[in-house]
């Protein structure tokens, strides 16, 4: 049987979003690396990257965070 990934990796990834709030490339790379410490499923890493992107945008410009997330995901950063 196949078990879908849980969200256990997300809590460990949040500090990466705060640390790399203005460095998108590092945010994506480091979030993926931290996620893969415990979750090898691509969907878990992609979810962590999306959440961290949103967190970084909420910190910088909370008024446009969800619009920015939509653009980010539309350009293949999932």
PDB file of N, CA and C in Angstrom:
ATOM      1  N   UNK A   1       0.829  -1.185   0.000  1.00  0.00           N
ATOM      2  CA  UNK A   1       0.000   0.000   0.000  1.00  0.00           C
ATOM      3  C   UNK A   1       0.872   1.246   0.000  1.00  0.00           C
ATOM      4  N   UNK A   2       0.292   2.314  -0.474  1.00  0.00           N
ATOM      5  CA  UNK A   2       1.011   3.586  -0.539  1.00  0.00           C
ATOM      6  C   UNK A   2       0.417   4.543   0.476  1.00  0.00           C
ATOM      7  N   UNK A   3       1.260   5.077   1.320  1.00  0.00           N
ATOM      8  CA  UNK A   3       0.821   6.070   2.293  1.00  0.00           C
ATOM      9  C   UNK A   3       1.249   7.450   1.814  1.00  0.00           C
ATOM     10  N   UNK A   4       0.305   8.373   1.723  1.00  0.00           N
ATOM     11  CA  UNK A   4       0.681   9.734   1.322  1.00  0.00           C
ATOM     12  C   UNK A   4       1.517  10.390   2.414  1.00  0.00           C
ATOM     13  N   UNK A   5       2.318  11.367   2.062  1.00  0.00           N
ATOM     14  CA  UNK A   5       3.161  12.021   3.063  1.00  0.00           C
ATOM     15  C   UNK A   5       2.314  12.805   4.064  1.00  0.00           C
ATOM     16  N   UNK A   6       2.792  12.826   5.300  1.00  0.00           N
ATOM     17  CA  UNK A   6       2.118  13.654   6.297  1.00  0.00           C
ATOM     18  C   UNK A   6       2.765  15.040   6.289  1.00  0.00           C
ATOM     19  N   UNK A   7       2.369  15.903   7.174  1.00  0.00           N
ATOM     20  CA  UNK A   7       2.897  17.263   7.205  1.00  0.00           C
ATOM     21  C   UNK A   7       3.984  17.454   8.243  1.00  0.00           C
ATOM     22  N   UNK A   8       4.596  16.367   8.688  1.00  0.00           N
ATOM     23  CA  UNK A   8       5.611  16.453   9.730  1.00  0.00           C
ATOM     24  C   UNK A   8       6.819  17.283   9.355  1.00  0.00           C
ATOM     25  N   UNK A   9       7.088  17.413   8.094  1.00  0.00           N
ATOM     26  CA  UNK A   9       8.241  18.192   7.649  1.00  0.00           C
ATOM     27  C   UNK A   9       7.995  19.693   7.710  1.00  0.00           C
ATOM     28  N   UNK A  10       6.748  20.112   7.725  1.00  0.00           N
ATOM     29  CA  UNK A  10       6.431  21.539   7.619  1.00  0.00           C
ATOM     30  C   UNK A  10       6.936  22.348   8.808  1.00  0.00           C
ATOM     31  N   UNK A  11       6.793  21.824  10.002  1.00  0.00           N
ATOM     32  CA  UNK A  11       7.224  22.572  11.197  1.00  0.00           C
ATOM     33  C   UNK A  11       8.724  22.828  11.182  1.00  0.00           C
ATOM     34  N   UNK A  12       9.498  21.880  10.685  1.00  0.00           N
ATOM     35  CA  UNK A  12      10.946  22.056  10.628  1.00  0.00           C
ATOM     36  C   UNK A  12      11.359  23.025   9.529  1.00  0.00           C
ATOM     37  N   UNK A  13      10.497  23.249   8.563  1.00  0.00           N
ATOM     38  CA  UNK A  13      10.839  24.109   7.433  1.00  0.00           C
ATOM     39  C   UNK A  13      10.524  25.583   7.674  1.00  0.00           C
ATOM     40  N   UNK A  14       9.626  25.896   8.576  1.00  0.00           N
ATOM     41  CA  UNK A  14       9.222  27.288   8.800  1.00  0.00           C
ATOM     42  C   UNK A  14      10.410  28.201   9.119  1.00  0.00           C
ATOM     43  N   UNK A  15      11.360  27.800   9.976  1.00  0.00           N
ATOM     44  CA  UNK A  15      12.498  28.691  10.224  1.00  0.00           C
ATOM     45  C   UNK A  15      13.284  29.046   8.959  1.00  0.00           C
ATOM     46  N   UNK A  16      13.293  28.146   7.983  1.00  0.00           N
ATOM     47  CA  UNK A  16      13.983  28.429   6.718  1.00  0.00           C
ATOM     48  C   UNK A  16      13.301  29.594   6.003  1.00  0.00           C
ATOM     49  N   UNK A  17      11.983  29.647   6.049  1.00  0.00           N
ATOM     50  CA  UNK A  17      11.244  30.745   5.419  1.00  0.00           C
ATOM     51  C   UNK A  17      11.612  32.072   6.057  1.00  0.00           C
ATOM     52  N   UNK A  18      11.731  32.080   7.354  1.00  0.00           N
ATOM     53  CA  UNK A  18      12.055  33.319   8.052  1.00  0.00           C
ATOM     54  C   UNK A  18      13.510  33.722   7.825  1.00  0.00           C
ATOM     55  N   UNK A  19      14.390  32.759   7.730  1.00  0.00           N
ATOM     56  CA  UNK A  19      15.813  33.046   7.521  1.00  0.00           C
ATOM     57  C   UNK A  19      16.081  33.569   6.110  1.00  0.00           C
ATOM     58  N   UNK A  20      15.382  33.010   5.132  1.00  0.00           N
ATOM     59  CA  UNK A  20      15.607  33.379   3.727  1.00  0.00           C
ATOM     60  C   UNK A  20      14.467  34.228   3.173  1.00  0.00           C
ATOM     61  N   UNK A  21      13.886  35.070   3.989  1.00  0.00           N
ATOM     62  CA  UNK A  21      12.714  35.835   3.598  1.00  0.00           C
ATOM     63  C   UNK A  21      12.934  36.658   2.319  1.00  0.00           C
ATOM     64  N   UNK A  22      14.129  37.083   2.048  1.00  0.00           N
ATOM     65  CA  UNK A  22      14.408  37.910   0.868  1.00  0.00           C
ATOM     66  C   UNK A  22      15.291  37.207  -0.159  1.00  0.00           C
ATOM     67  N   UNK A  23      15.489  35.914   0.001  1.00  0.00           N
ATOM     68  CA  UNK A  23      16.353  35.159  -0.917  1.00  0.00           C
ATOM     69  C   UNK A  23      15.593  33.940  -1.445  1.00  0.00           C
ATOM     70  N   UNK A  24      14.819  34.143  -2.496  1.00  0.00           N
ATOM     71  CA  UNK A  24      13.939  33.101  -3.008  1.00  0.00           C
ATOM     72  C   UNK A  24      14.676  31.824  -3.393  1.00  0.00           C
ATOM     73  N   UNK A  25      15.777  31.960  -4.103  1.00  0.00           N
ATOM     74  CA  UNK A  25      16.495  30.762  -4.554  1.00  0.00           C
ATOM     75  C   UNK A  25      16.976  29.928  -3.368  1.00  0.00           C
ATOM     76  N   UNK A  26      17.538  30.578  -2.360  1.00  0.00           N
ATOM     77  CA  UNK A  26      17.997  29.869  -1.164  1.00  0.00           C
ATOM     78  C   UNK A  26      16.810  29.294  -0.388  1.00  0.00           C
ATOM     79  N   UNK A  27      15.694  30.028  -0.355  1.00  0.00           N
ATOM     80  CA  UNK A  27      14.504  29.536   0.322  1.00  0.00           C
ATOM     81  C   UNK A  27      14.054  28.210  -0.285  1.00  0.00           C
ATOM     82  N   UNK A  28      13.981  28.155  -1.607  1.00  0.00           N
ATOM     83  CA  UNK A  28      13.550  26.935  -2.293  1.00  0.00           C
ATOM     84  C   UNK A  28      14.542  25.805  -2.060  1.00  0.00           C
ATOM     85  N   UNK A  29      15.824  26.066  -2.242  1.00  0.00           N
ATOM     86  CA  UNK A  29      16.855  25.034  -2.094  1.00  0.00           C
ATOM     87  C   UNK A  29      16.910  24.492  -0.664  1.00  0.00           C
ATOM     88  N   UNK A  30      16.972  25.387   0.298  1.00  0.00           N
ATOM     89  CA  UNK A  30      17.113  24.952   1.686  1.00  0.00           C
ATOM     90  C   UNK A  30      15.837  24.327   2.234  1.00  0.00           C
ATOM     91  N   UNK A  31      14.680  24.822   1.819  1.00  0.00           N
ATOM     92  CA  UNK A  31      13.430  24.209   2.253  1.00  0.00           C
ATOM     93  C   UNK A  31      13.335  22.781   1.746  1.00  0.00           C
ATOM     94  N   UNK A  32      13.697  22.584   0.492  1.00  0.00           N
ATOM     95  CA  UNK A  32      13.677  21.232  -0.073  1.00  0.00           C
ATOM     96  C   UNK A  32      14.639  20.322   0.682  1.00  0.00           C
ATOM     97  N   UNK A  33      15.825  20.806   0.977  1.00  0.00           N
ATOM     98  CA  UNK A  33      16.813  19.998   1.699  1.00  0.00           C
ATOM     99  C   UNK A  33      16.332  19.626   3.097  1.00  0.00           C
ATOM    100  N   UNK A  34      15.769  20.588   3.817  1.00  0.00           N
ATOM    101  CA  UNK A  34      15.284  20.308   5.171  1.00  0.00           C
ATOM    102  C   UNK A  34      14.099  19.345   5.115  1.00  0.00           C
ATOM    103  N   UNK A  35      13.217  19.533   4.176  1.00  0.00           N
ATOM    104  CA  UNK A  35      12.061  18.643   4.035  1.00  0.00           C
ATOM    105  C   UNK A  35      12.498  17.201   3.780  1.00  0.00           C
ATOM    106  N   UNK A  36      13.497  17.051   2.938  1.00  0.00           N
ATOM    107  CA  UNK A  36      13.947  15.705   2.562  1.00  0.00           C
ATOM    108  C   UNK A  36      14.731  14.984   3.666  1.00  0.00           C
ATOM    109  N   UNK A  37      15.035  15.674   4.735  1.00  0.00           N
ATOM    110  CA  UNK A  37      15.663  14.984   5.866  1.00  0.00           C
ATOM    111  C   UNK A  37      14.765  13.861   6.386  1.00  0.00           C
ATOM    112  N   UNK A  38      13.469  14.081   6.332  1.00  0.00           N
ATOM    113  CA  UNK A  38      12.534  13.076   6.842  1.00  0.00           C
ATOM    114  C   UNK A  38      11.488  12.636   5.829  1.00  0.00           C
ATOM    115  N   UNK A  39      11.284  13.388   4.757  1.00  0.00           N
ATOM    116  CA  UNK A  39      10.220  13.097   3.803  1.00  0.00           C
ATOM    117  C   UNK A  39      10.777  13.122   2.377  1.00  0.00           C
ATOM    118  N   UNK A  40      10.905  11.936   1.773  1.00  0.00           N
ATOM    119  CA  UNK A  40      11.467  11.855   0.428  1.00  0.00           C
ATOM    120  C   UNK A  40      10.423  12.032  -0.666  1.00  0.00           C
ATOM    121  N   UNK A  41       9.174  12.041  -0.313  1.00  0.00           N
ATOM    122  CA  UNK A  41       8.115  12.227  -1.301  1.00  0.00           C
ATOM    123  C   UNK A  41       8.180  13.656  -1.848  1.00  0.00           C
ATOM    124  N   UNK A  42       8.188  13.775  -3.165  1.00  0.00           N
ATOM    125  CA  UNK A  42       8.273  15.097  -3.801  1.00  0.00           C
ATOM    126  C   UNK A  42       7.141  16.018  -3.370  1.00  0.00           C
ATOM    127  N   UNK A  43       5.957  15.444  -3.143  1.00  0.00           N
ATOM    128  CA  UNK A  43       4.815  16.274  -2.745  1.00  0.00           C
ATOM    129  C   UNK A  43       5.047  16.942  -1.398  1.00  0.00           C
ATOM    130  N   UNK A  44       5.735  16.269  -0.497  1.00  0.00           N
ATOM    131  CA  UNK A  44       6.026  16.858   0.813  1.00  0.00           C
ATOM    132  C   UNK A  44       6.974  18.044   0.668  1.00  0.00           C
ATOM    133  N   UNK A  45       7.997  17.883  -0.152  1.00  0.00           N
ATOM    134  CA  UNK A  45       8.945  18.978  -0.375  1.00  0.00           C
ATOM    135  C   UNK A  45       8.269  20.144  -1.102  1.00  0.00           C
ATOM    136  N   UNK A  46       7.437  19.842  -2.087  1.00  0.00           N
ATOM    137  CA  UNK A  46       6.740  20.897  -2.822  1.00  0.00           C
ATOM    138  C   UNK A  46       5.777  21.663  -1.922  1.00  0.00           C
ATOM    139  N   UNK A  47       5.096  20.956  -1.044  1.00  0.00           N
ATOM    140  CA  UNK A  47       4.188  21.625  -0.105  1.00  0.00           C
ATOM    141  C   UNK A  47       4.966  22.529   0.842  1.00  0.00           C
ATOM    142  N   UNK A  48       6.103  22.054   1.309  1.00  0.00           N
ATOM    143  CA  UNK A  48       6.935  22.860   2.210  1.00  0.00           C
ATOM    144  C   UNK A  48       7.438  24.119   1.513  1.00  0.00           C
ATOM    145  N   UNK A  49       7.839  23.991   0.262  1.00  0.00           N
ATOM    146  CA  UNK A  49       8.301  25.159  -0.494  1.00  0.00           C
ATOM    147  C   UNK A  49       7.160  26.163  -0.662  1.00  0.00           C
ATOM    148  N   UNK A  50       5.976  25.692  -0.995  1.00  0.00           N
ATOM    149  CA  UNK A  50       4.833  26.593  -1.173  1.00  0.00           C
ATOM    150  C   UNK A  50       4.481  27.301   0.136  1.00  0.00           C
ATOM    151  N   UNK A  51       4.459  26.556   1.227  1.00  0.00           N
ATOM    152  CA  UNK A  51       4.157  27.156   2.536  1.00  0.00           C
ATOM    153  C   UNK A  51       5.226  28.179   2.903  1.00  0.00           C
ATOM    154  N   UNK A  52       6.482  27.835   2.696  1.00  0.00           N
ATOM    155  CA  UNK A  52       7.561  28.769   3.043  1.00  0.00           C
ATOM    156  C   UNK A  52       7.546  30.011   2.167  1.00  0.00           C
ATOM    157  N   UNK A  53       7.230  29.844   0.909  1.00  0.00           N
ATOM    158  CA  UNK A  53       7.104  31.012   0.033  1.00  0.00           C
ATOM    159  C   UNK A  53       6.014  31.934   0.565  1.00  0.00           C
ATOM    160  N   UNK A  54       4.871  31.348   0.914  1.00  0.00           N
ATOM    161  CA  UNK A  54       3.765  32.149   1.446  1.00  0.00           C
ATOM    162  C   UNK A  54       4.167  32.851   2.739  1.00  0.00           C
ATOM    163  N   UNK A  55       4.830  32.142   3.634  1.00  0.00           N
ATOM    164  CA  UNK A  55       5.284  32.747   4.894  1.00  0.00           C
ATOM    165  C   UNK A  55       6.209  33.922   4.606  1.00  0.00           C
ATOM    166  N   UNK A  56       7.154  33.743   3.700  1.00  0.00           N
ATOM    167  CA  UNK A  56       8.092  34.826   3.401  1.00  0.00           C
ATOM    168  C   UNK A  56       7.364  36.045   2.847  1.00  0.00           C
ATOM    169  N   UNK A  57       6.351  35.819   2.023  1.00  0.00           N
ATOM    170  CA  UNK A  57       5.584  36.931   1.461  1.00  0.00           C
ATOM    171  C   UNK A  57       4.714  37.594   2.523  1.00  0.00           C
ATOM    172  N   UNK A  58       4.170  36.812   3.438  1.00  0.00           N
ATOM    173  CA  UNK A  58       3.368  37.387   4.521  1.00  0.00           C
ATOM    174  C   UNK A  58       4.210  38.299   5.408  1.00  0.00           C
ATOM    175  N   UNK A  59       5.463  37.931   5.605  1.00  0.00           N
ATOM    176  CA  UNK A  59       6.364  38.746   6.420  1.00  0.00           C
ATOM    177  C   UNK A  59       6.702  40.054   5.708  1.00  0.00           C
ATOM    178  N   UNK A  60       6.951  39.981   4.415  1.00  0.00           N
ATOM    179  CA  UNK A  60       7.401  41.145   3.658  1.00  0.00           C
ATOM    180  C   UNK A  60       6.243  42.027   3.203  1.00  0.00           C
ATOM    181  N   UNK A  61       5.217  41.445   2.629  1.00  0.00           N
ATOM    182  CA  UNK A  61       4.129  42.225   2.042  1.00  0.00           C
ATOM    183  C   UNK A  61       2.828  41.454   2.186  1.00  0.00           C
ATOM    184  N   UNK A  62       2.271  41.466   3.366  1.00  0.00           N
ATOM    185  CA  UNK A  62       1.121  40.622   3.661  1.00  0.00           C
ATOM    186  C   UNK A  62      -0.104  40.919   2.789  1.00  0.00           C
ATOM    187  N   UNK A  63      -0.207  42.087   2.256  1.00  0.00           N
ATOM    188  CA  UNK A  63      -1.365  42.440   1.439  1.00  0.00           C
ATOM    189  C   UNK A  63      -1.423  41.728   0.104  1.00  0.00           C
ATOM    190  N   UNK A  64      -0.281  41.298  -0.411  1.00  0.00           N
ATOM    191  CA  UNK A  64      -0.238  40.658  -1.727  1.00  0.00           C
ATOM    192  C   UNK A  64       0.271  39.226  -1.653  1.00  0.00           C
ATOM    193  N   UNK A  65       0.368  38.646  -0.489  1.00  0.00           N
ATOM    194  CA  UNK A  65       0.998  37.345  -0.310  1.00  0.00           C
ATOM    195  C   UNK A  65       0.320  36.241  -1.125  1.00  0.00           C
ATOM    196  N   UNK A  66      -0.990  36.187  -1.119  1.00  0.00           N
ATOM    197  CA  UNK A  66      -1.672  35.103  -1.827  1.00  0.00           C
ATOM    198  C   UNK A  66      -1.608  35.292  -3.343  1.00  0.00           C
ATOM    199  N   UNK A  67      -1.622  36.530  -3.801  1.00  0.00           N
ATOM    200  CA  UNK A  67      -1.428  36.775  -5.230  1.00  0.00           C
ATOM    201  C   UNK A  67      -0.036  36.331  -5.670  1.00  0.00           C
ATOM    202  N   UNK A  68       0.951  36.639  -4.859  1.00  0.00           N
ATOM    203  CA  UNK A  68       2.325  36.237  -5.167  1.00  0.00           C
ATOM    204  C   UNK A  68       2.466  34.714  -5.154  1.00  0.00           C
ATOM    205  N   UNK A  69       1.794  34.046  -4.220  1.00  0.00           N
ATOM    206  CA  UNK A  69       1.841  32.581  -4.162  1.00  0.00           C
ATOM    207  C   UNK A  69       1.256  31.982  -5.441  1.00  0.00           C
ATOM    208  N   UNK A  70       0.155  32.522  -5.903  1.00  0.00           N
ATOM    209  CA  UNK A  70      -0.462  32.029  -7.141  1.00  0.00           C
ATOM    210  C   UNK A  70       0.499  32.164  -8.315  1.00  0.00           C
ATOM    211  N   UNK A  71       1.150  33.307  -8.449  1.00  0.00           N
ATOM    212  CA  UNK A  71       2.134  33.509  -9.521  1.00  0.00           C
ATOM    213  C   UNK A  71       3.296  32.534  -9.389  1.00  0.00           C
ATOM    214  N   UNK A  72       3.783  32.351  -8.163  1.00  0.00           N
ATOM    215  CA  UNK A  72       4.897  31.452  -7.883  1.00  0.00           C
ATOM    216  C   UNK A  72       4.553  30.028  -8.321  1.00  0.00           C
ATOM    217  N   UNK A  73       3.378  29.561  -7.954  1.00  0.00           N
ATOM    218  CA  UNK A  73       2.964  28.204  -8.318  1.00  0.00           C
ATOM    219  C   UNK A  73       2.685  28.073  -9.811  1.00  0.00           C
ATOM    220  N   UNK A  74       2.157  29.125 -10.422  1.00  0.00           N
ATOM    221  CA  UNK A  74       1.891  29.101 -11.862  1.00  0.00           C
ATOM    222  C   UNK A  74       3.173  29.002 -12.685  1.00  0.00           C
ATOM    223  N   UNK A  75       4.279  29.445 -12.131  1.00  0.00           N
ATOM    224  CA  UNK A  75       5.551  29.401 -12.861  1.00  0.00           C
ATOM    225  C   UNK A  75       6.335  28.123 -12.552  1.00  0.00           C
ATOM    226  N   UNK A  76       5.666  27.118 -12.021  1.00  0.00           N
ATOM    227  CA  UNK A  76       6.301  25.816 -11.838  1.00  0.00           C
ATOM    228  C   UNK A  76       7.095  25.655 -10.563  1.00  0.00           C
ATOM    229  N   UNK A  77       6.923  26.519  -9.611  1.00  0.00           N
ATOM    230  CA  UNK A  77       7.620  26.389  -8.341  1.00  0.00           C
ATOM    231  C   UNK A  77       6.708  25.736  -7.327  1.00  0.00           C
ATOM    232  N   UNK A  78       6.409  24.493  -7.536  1.00  0.00           N
ATOM    233  CA  UNK A  78       5.552  23.812  -6.571  1.00  0.00           C
ATOM    234  C   UNK A  78       6.302  22.705  -5.896  1.00  0.00           C
TER     235      UNK A  78
END
